[in-house]
Amino acid sequence: MIQNILQYYIDYENTMRFAQSSLADRCEGEYYNRGIVKQGSLLYSDMQSKKIRLIQKRLLHLLNFKGSEMQKNLTSLLNDLVPSFLDGTMDVDTFLQTLNVNSHPNERAMRTFLGEIIQNDQLTLCYPLLTKVVKNKKIVHPLIVFTCRLNQDDTLHVEKFTISREALTIVAAYCDDQSHMDTETVKSKEITEVLHALRDCKQSNIDEILKILYRELNIKFDQREPSFLENPKYFKPFEGWRMLEQAFVTLDWFGDLIEPIFRKELHRVKNRMESLPSNLLKKYLAGDDNSQLFESCEQAEADLFHWGSYTDQYPLTRNNGRLLAEEKNQNCFR
């Protein structure tokens, strides 16, 4: 069960990165006209351009050629070769042979990097976007975060998506013509039902997912028709919130997202436990049958209790402790 808990936190951090943080603060990416949701050809072009720049930068670093003239010649050669490599007409071996770097000390690192570039064609698209100015600072929250791949016909195929409950509550309050706080309290059940309806849908098309959301909002919150899902200009200012006529796109496999500090560590521990099970590591992470219940010790000697953390942004909280205490509940993390 400890692997399930670790995966829970990996997923949690991945979701919270979007759901409770402003895109303007936490992510690097590009804003596009909302039409990009239906037509991905521009995204494909931008992805290729970014791959070219990334390959040039990485290989120049790995090859470490000295002298401006040699770097200039290599840059010119890469400009000619990289497009052929990316469109599949040139494989990794031919690419490196043409560069004449087969025996370079960093050849293995170059092969690994180029393999990752070719295999990864995933992008993250956030839409619709809610925005608000708070204390002279613009914050942006996505309603839905889509993880997509580009099809050969330049359409977007949704592999998975996450809807932000926080953003959904704002939208529900707008539709219900009630305050955000009242809706969060009074209509919590309806909001959860909308989340479940979206979670259970098996769609891979953004338009179809938005249609399902449109239908559910119409059923549960019918004071205002949610036509803003078709065109954000129909969303009138609400408690300081506006809806942008844009989508936000980031290529997170390029490292555009600012990763939570624990994420790689969580992945490493989870993979280690799967490949090399360790009773000692499991006991360290989650205790054993003789461990003291969290609730019985959390108040005792509170000043001496170490919560643990790399930084104060990611502490081990009481909720984390209670979650670990549920590790023996077989239904908790299925």
Protein backbone atom coordinates (compact mmCIF):
# COMPACT_ATOMS: atom_id res chain seq x y z
CA MET A 1 0.00 0.00 0.00
CA ILE A 2 2.93 2.38 0.55
CA GLN A 3 3.40 2.62 -3.24
CA ASN A 4 -0.21 3.78 -3.50
CA ILE A 5 0.42 6.50 -0.92
CA LEU A 6 3.52 7.70 -2.76
CA GLN A 7 1.59 7.75 -6.05
CA TYR A 8 -1.16 9.71 -4.30
CA TYR A 9 1.31 12.42 -3.35
CA ILE A 10 2.89 12.44 -6.81
CA ASP A 11 -0.56 12.96 -8.36
CA TYR A 12 -1.49 15.47 -5.68
CA GLU A 13 1.56 17.63 -6.29
CA ASN A 14 0.99 17.42 -10.05
CA THR A 15 -2.62 18.57 -9.65
CA MET A 16 -1.95 21.26 -7.05
CA ARG A 17 0.71 22.79 -9.28
CA PHE A 18 -2.18 23.90 -11.48
CA ALA A 19 -5.27 23.85 -9.29
CA GLN A 20 -4.06 26.05 -6.43
CA SER A 21 -1.31 28.11 -8.02
CA SER A 22 -1.49 30.91 -10.50
CA LEU A 23 -0.10 30.01 -13.91
CA ALA A 24 1.55 33.41 -14.00
CA ASP A 25 3.66 32.47 -10.97
CA ARG A 26 4.37 28.79 -11.37
CA CYS A 27 4.56 27.90 -15.06
CA GLU A 28 6.33 28.94 -18.22
CA GLY A 29 4.41 28.56 -21.43
CA GLU A 30 2.50 30.38 -24.13
CA TYR A 31 -0.96 31.92 -24.33
CA TYR A 32 -2.85 31.19 -27.55
CA ASN A 33 -6.17 32.29 -28.96
CA ARG A 34 -8.87 29.89 -27.77
CA GLY A 35 -9.20 28.60 -31.36
CA ILE A 36 -6.08 26.54 -30.70
CA VAL A 37 -8.34 24.14 -28.79
CA LYS A 38 -9.89 23.01 -32.10
CA GLN A 39 -6.87 23.31 -34.36
CA GLY A 40 -3.45 22.12 -33.27
CA SER A 41 -1.42 22.86 -36.41
CA LEU A 42 0.11 25.98 -34.88
CA LEU A 43 1.01 24.00 -31.77
CA TYR A 44 2.81 21.40 -33.89
CA SER A 45 4.85 24.12 -35.57
CA ASP A 46 5.73 25.70 -32.23
CA MET A 47 6.66 22.34 -30.72
CA GLN A 48 9.06 21.65 -33.60
CA SER A 49 10.64 25.09 -33.28
CA LYS A 50 11.15 24.62 -29.57
CA LYS A 51 12.64 21.16 -30.08
CA ILE A 52 15.11 22.61 -32.57
CA ARG A 53 16.22 25.30 -30.12
CA LEU A 54 16.46 22.79 -27.28
CA ILE A 55 18.54 20.31 -29.30
CA GLN A 56 20.91 23.06 -30.39
CA LYS A 57 21.36 24.33 -26.86
CA ARG A 58 21.85 20.88 -25.33
CA LEU A 59 24.26 19.54 -27.95
CA LEU A 60 26.36 22.71 -27.92
CA HIS A 61 26.66 22.24 -24.17
CA LEU A 62 27.52 18.52 -24.36
CA LEU A 63 30.03 18.93 -27.21
CA ASN A 64 31.63 21.88 -25.45
CA PHE A 65 33.39 23.17 -28.54
CA LYS A 66 35.76 25.99 -27.80
CA GLY A 67 36.01 29.03 -30.02
CA SER A 68 33.25 31.14 -31.51
CA GLU A 69 34.00 29.97 -35.06
CA MET A 70 33.58 26.27 -34.22
CA GLN A 71 30.36 27.00 -32.34
CA LYS A 72 29.08 29.05 -35.27
CA ASN A 73 29.83 26.21 -37.72
CA LEU A 74 28.14 23.65 -35.45
CA THR A 75 25.07 25.85 -35.03
CA SER A 76 24.79 26.20 -38.80
CA LEU A 77 25.12 22.42 -39.25
CA LEU A 78 22.48 21.75 -36.58
CA ASN A 79 20.11 24.16 -38.30
CA ASP A 80 20.37 21.99 -41.41
CA LEU A 81 20.22 18.58 -39.70
CA VAL A 82 17.72 18.88 -36.83
CA PRO A 83 14.55 19.29 -38.98
CA SER A 84 15.41 16.06 -40.86
CA PHE A 85 16.00 14.29 -37.54
CA LEU A 86 12.69 15.48 -36.11
CA ASP A 87 10.60 14.51 -39.14
CA GLY A 88 12.01 10.97 -39.01
CA THR A 89 14.04 10.99 -42.21
CA MET A 90 17.27 10.73 -40.20
CA ASP A 91 17.79 8.37 -37.25
CA VAL A 92 19.97 9.02 -34.20
CA ASP A 93 22.95 7.07 -35.59
CA THR A 94 22.98 8.96 -38.89
CA PHE A 95 22.46 12.25 -37.09
CA LEU A 96 25.49 11.73 -34.83
CA GLN A 97 27.61 10.34 -37.67
CA THR A 98 26.90 13.43 -39.76
CA LEU A 99 27.95 15.59 -36.83
CA ASN A 100 31.08 13.40 -36.57
CA VAL A 101 30.72 13.00 -32.79
CA ASN A 102 30.32 9.20 -32.50
CA SER A 103 33.39 8.81 -30.29
CA HIS A 104 32.74 11.87 -28.16
CA PRO A 105 32.83 11.28 -24.35
CA ASN A 106 29.24 12.56 -24.11
CA GLU A 107 27.90 10.39 -26.94
CA ARG A 108 25.73 8.27 -24.60
CA ALA A 109 24.22 11.38 -23.00
CA MET A 110 23.46 12.77 -26.47
CA ARG A 111 21.79 9.53 -27.56
CA THR A 112 19.63 9.45 -24.43
CA PHE A 113 18.62 13.07 -24.83
CA LEU A 114 17.78 12.72 -28.54
CA GLY A 115 15.75 9.58 -27.83
CA GLU A 116 13.68 11.42 -25.24
CA ILE A 117 13.09 14.34 -27.61
CA ILE A 118 11.83 12.05 -30.39
CA GLN A 119 9.57 10.00 -28.14
CA ASN A 120 7.92 12.82 -26.22
CA ASP A 121 5.17 14.65 -28.05
CA GLN A 122 3.04 15.45 -25.03
CA LEU A 123 1.78 18.90 -24.11
CA THR A 124 -0.41 20.40 -21.40
CA LEU A 125 -3.27 22.69 -22.38
CA CYS A 126 -5.20 24.74 -19.82
CA TYR A 127 -8.67 25.96 -20.77
CA PRO A 128 -10.89 27.80 -19.90
CA LEU A 129 -8.87 30.30 -17.88
CA LEU A 130 -10.16 32.44 -15.01
CA THR A 131 -8.20 35.55 -14.10
CA LYS A 132 -8.33 38.10 -11.32
CA VAL A 133 -6.19 40.96 -10.05
CA VAL A 134 -5.38 40.71 -6.35
CA LYS A 135 -3.25 43.41 -4.72
CA ASN A 136 -2.03 44.60 -8.12
CA LYS A 137 -1.03 41.07 -9.05
CA LYS A 138 -2.68 39.12 -11.86
CA ILE A 139 -3.53 35.53 -11.03
CA VAL A 140 -4.74 32.93 -13.52
CA HIS A 141 -6.52 29.67 -12.69
CA PRO A 142 -7.34 26.99 -15.27
CA LEU A 143 -10.74 25.34 -15.08
CA ILE A 144 -9.50 22.20 -16.87
CA VAL A 145 -5.97 20.97 -17.46
CA PHE A 146 -5.69 18.67 -20.48
CA THR A 147 -2.71 16.41 -21.13
CA CYS A 148 -2.69 15.97 -24.91
CA ARG A 149 -0.83 14.58 -27.87
CA LEU A 150 -1.01 15.86 -31.41
CA ASN A 151 -2.61 13.52 -33.94
CA GLN A 152 -1.26 13.29 -37.49
CA ASP A 153 -4.17 15.46 -38.68
CA ASP A 154 -3.08 18.19 -36.21
CA THR A 155 -6.04 17.60 -33.89
CA LEU A 156 -5.49 17.22 -30.17
CA HIS A 157 -5.99 13.83 -28.51
CA VAL A 158 -6.70 14.12 -24.78
CA GLU A 159 -4.90 11.42 -22.82
CA LYS A 160 -6.12 12.62 -19.43
CA PHE A 161 -7.52 15.76 -17.86
CA THR A 162 -8.01 17.31 -14.44
CA ILE A 163 -10.69 19.79 -13.45
CA SER A 164 -9.94 22.25 -10.67
CA ARG A 165 -12.59 22.14 -7.94
CA GLU A 166 -11.63 25.66 -6.88
CA ALA A 167 -12.19 27.06 -10.39
CA LEU A 168 -15.33 24.93 -10.86
CA THR A 169 -16.82 26.38 -7.67
CA ILE A 170 -16.31 29.91 -9.02
CA VAL A 171 -17.99 28.95 -12.31
CA ALA A 172 -20.84 27.19 -10.46
CA ALA A 173 -21.40 30.27 -8.28
CA TYR A 174 -21.55 32.41 -11.40
CA CYS A 175 -24.08 30.07 -13.04
CA ASP A 176 -26.15 29.88 -9.84
CA ASP A 177 -26.01 33.66 -9.35
CA GLN A 178 -24.80 33.16 -5.79
CA SER A 179 -21.65 34.12 -3.93
CA HIS A 180 -18.60 31.91 -4.21
CA MET A 181 -18.62 31.18 -0.48
CA ASP A 182 -22.34 30.31 -0.38
CA THR A 183 -22.03 27.99 -3.36
CA GLU A 184 -19.02 26.25 -1.87
CA THR A 185 -21.06 25.50 1.26
CA VAL A 186 -24.60 24.96 -0.04
CA LYS A 187 -23.86 23.29 -3.39
CA SER A 188 -20.88 21.13 -2.42
CA LYS A 189 -22.76 17.95 -3.37
CA GLU A 190 -23.68 19.27 -6.83
CA ILE A 191 -20.10 20.38 -7.47
CA THR A 192 -18.86 16.91 -6.54
CA GLU A 193 -21.41 15.34 -8.91
CA VAL A 194 -20.15 17.50 -11.78
CA LEU A 195 -16.58 16.44 -10.99
CA HIS A 196 -17.61 12.77 -10.97
CA ALA A 197 -19.49 13.09 -14.27
CA LEU A 198 -16.37 14.49 -15.91
CA ARG A 199 -14.07 12.00 -14.23
CA ASP A 200 -16.16 9.10 -15.50
CA CYS A 201 -16.44 10.29 -19.09
CA LYS A 202 -14.26 8.45 -21.60
CA GLN A 203 -13.78 11.28 -24.07
CA SER A 204 -10.49 12.12 -25.77
CA ASN A 205 -11.79 15.25 -27.52
CA ILE A 206 -11.67 18.64 -25.80
CA ASP A 207 -14.92 19.85 -27.41
CA GLU A 208 -16.81 16.76 -26.21
CA ILE A 209 -15.47 17.16 -22.66
CA LEU A 210 -16.57 20.81 -22.64
CA LYS A 211 -20.02 19.73 -23.87
CA ILE A 212 -20.35 17.34 -20.95
CA LEU A 213 -19.36 20.12 -18.56
CA TYR A 214 -21.87 22.44 -20.27
CA ARG A 215 -24.63 19.87 -19.80
CA GLU A 216 -23.81 19.20 -16.15
CA LEU A 217 -23.66 22.89 -15.27
CA ASN A 218 -27.04 23.40 -16.99
CA ILE A 219 -28.57 20.63 -14.92
CA LYS A 220 -27.08 21.53 -11.54
CA PHE A 221 -26.85 25.34 -11.78
CA ASP A 222 -29.50 26.71 -14.10
CA GLN A 223 -29.78 30.42 -13.26
CA ARG A 224 -27.37 31.37 -16.04
CA GLU A 225 -26.70 29.33 -19.15
CA PRO A 226 -23.00 28.36 -19.27
CA SER A 227 -22.57 29.62 -22.84
CA PHE A 228 -19.18 31.02 -21.80
CA LEU A 229 -17.77 27.53 -22.37
CA GLU A 230 -18.41 28.09 -26.08
CA ASN A 231 -17.24 31.69 -26.01
CA PRO A 232 -15.58 33.23 -22.90
CA LYS A 233 -16.82 36.71 -23.84
CA TYR A 234 -20.24 35.70 -22.44
CA PHE A 235 -18.73 35.36 -18.96
CA LYS A 236 -19.49 38.64 -17.20
CA PRO A 237 -17.17 39.89 -14.42
CA PHE A 238 -17.98 38.01 -11.22
CA GLU A 239 -16.44 38.80 -7.83
CA GLY A 240 -13.45 40.22 -9.68
CA TRP A 241 -13.05 37.15 -11.89
CA ARG A 242 -12.99 37.30 -15.69
CA MET A 243 -12.60 34.56 -18.28
CA LEU A 244 -9.81 34.91 -20.82
CA GLU A 245 -10.42 34.27 -24.50
CA GLN A 246 -7.18 32.34 -24.50
CA ALA A 247 -5.73 28.92 -23.73
CA PHE A 248 -2.42 28.34 -21.97
CA VAL A 249 -0.05 25.70 -23.39
CA THR A 250 3.11 24.36 -21.83
CA LEU A 251 5.38 21.51 -22.90
CA ASP A 252 6.05 20.21 -19.40
CA TRP A 253 8.41 17.48 -20.61
CA PHE A 254 10.76 20.30 -21.62
CA GLY A 255 10.90 21.35 -17.98
CA ASP A 256 8.72 24.39 -18.53
CA LEU A 257 6.85 23.73 -15.32
CA ILE A 258 8.42 24.56 -11.99
CA GLU A 259 8.35 21.12 -10.40
CA PRO A 260 7.44 20.69 -6.73
CA ILE A 261 10.60 20.01 -4.80
CA PHE A 262 9.48 16.55 -3.62
CA ARG A 263 8.29 15.20 -6.96
CA LYS A 264 11.48 13.60 -8.25
CA GLU A 265 12.21 12.26 -4.78
CA LEU A 266 8.77 10.67 -4.57
CA HIS A 267 9.22 9.07 -7.98
CA ARG A 268 12.64 7.73 -6.97
CA VAL A 269 11.39 6.22 -3.71
CA LYS A 270 8.32 4.70 -5.39
CA ASN A 271 10.37 3.14 -8.19
CA ARG A 272 12.88 1.78 -5.69
CA MET A 273 10.16 0.18 -3.59
CA GLU A 274 8.67 -1.44 -6.68
CA SER A 275 11.97 -2.81 -7.99
CA LEU A 276 13.70 -3.50 -4.66
CA PRO A 277 11.09 -4.00 -1.91
CA SER A 278 12.50 -3.07 1.47
CA ASN A 279 10.81 -3.77 4.80
CA LEU A 280 13.16 -1.30 6.48
CA LEU A 281 12.23 1.49 4.04
CA LYS A 282 8.54 0.68 4.41
CA LYS A 283 8.85 0.79 8.20
CA TYR A 284 10.70 4.11 7.96
CA LEU A 285 8.01 5.65 5.73
CA ALA A 286 4.85 4.27 7.29
CA GLY A 287 5.73 2.60 10.56
CA ASP A 288 4.75 -0.94 11.56
CA ASP A 289 2.20 -2.75 13.72
CA ASN A 290 3.89 -1.41 16.87
CA SER A 291 3.86 2.21 15.73
CA GLN A 292 2.00 4.70 17.90
CA LEU A 293 -1.19 6.12 16.45
CA PHE A 294 -0.64 9.57 15.00
CA GLU A 295 -3.60 11.07 16.87
CA SER A 296 -2.26 9.88 20.19
CA CYS A 297 1.14 11.53 19.85
CA GLU A 298 0.54 14.67 17.80
CA GLN A 299 -0.35 16.80 20.81
CA ALA A 300 2.25 15.36 23.14
CA GLU A 301 5.47 17.35 23.35
CA ALA A 302 4.26 19.43 20.38
CA ASP A 303 7.22 21.78 20.63
CA LEU A 304 9.61 18.87 20.14
CA PHE A 305 7.70 17.24 17.29
CA HIS A 306 9.66 17.39 14.04
CA TRP A 307 7.41 17.86 10.98
CA GLY A 308 10.18 17.53 8.43
CA SER A 309 10.59 19.52 5.22
CA TYR A 310 13.05 20.64 2.61
CA THR A 311 11.47 24.08 2.57
CA ASP A 312 8.67 25.77 4.47
CA GLN A 313 6.49 25.61 1.32
CA TYR A 314 6.28 21.80 1.56
CA PRO A 315 6.09 20.76 5.22
CA LEU A 316 4.82 17.45 6.57
CA THR A 317 1.47 18.52 7.97
CA ARG A 318 -1.00 16.92 10.34
CA ASN A 319 -3.09 15.90 7.32
CA ASN A 320 -0.06 14.09 5.87
CA GLY A 321 0.38 12.22 9.13
CA ARG A 322 -3.26 11.20 9.28
CA LEU A 323 -3.08 10.02 5.69
CA LEU A 324 -0.13 7.78 6.48
CA ALA A 325 -2.07 6.47 9.48
CA GLU A 326 -4.73 5.24 7.02
CA GLU A 327 -2.20 3.09 5.18
CA LYS A 328 -3.70 -0.11 6.57
CA ASN A 329 -7.17 0.83 5.28
CA GLN A 330 -7.32 -1.38 2.18
CA ASN A 331 -9.98 0.77 0.48
CA CYS A 332 -8.34 4.15 1.04
CA PHE A 333 -6.00 4.29 -1.98
CA ARG A 334 -7.49 1.88 -4.49
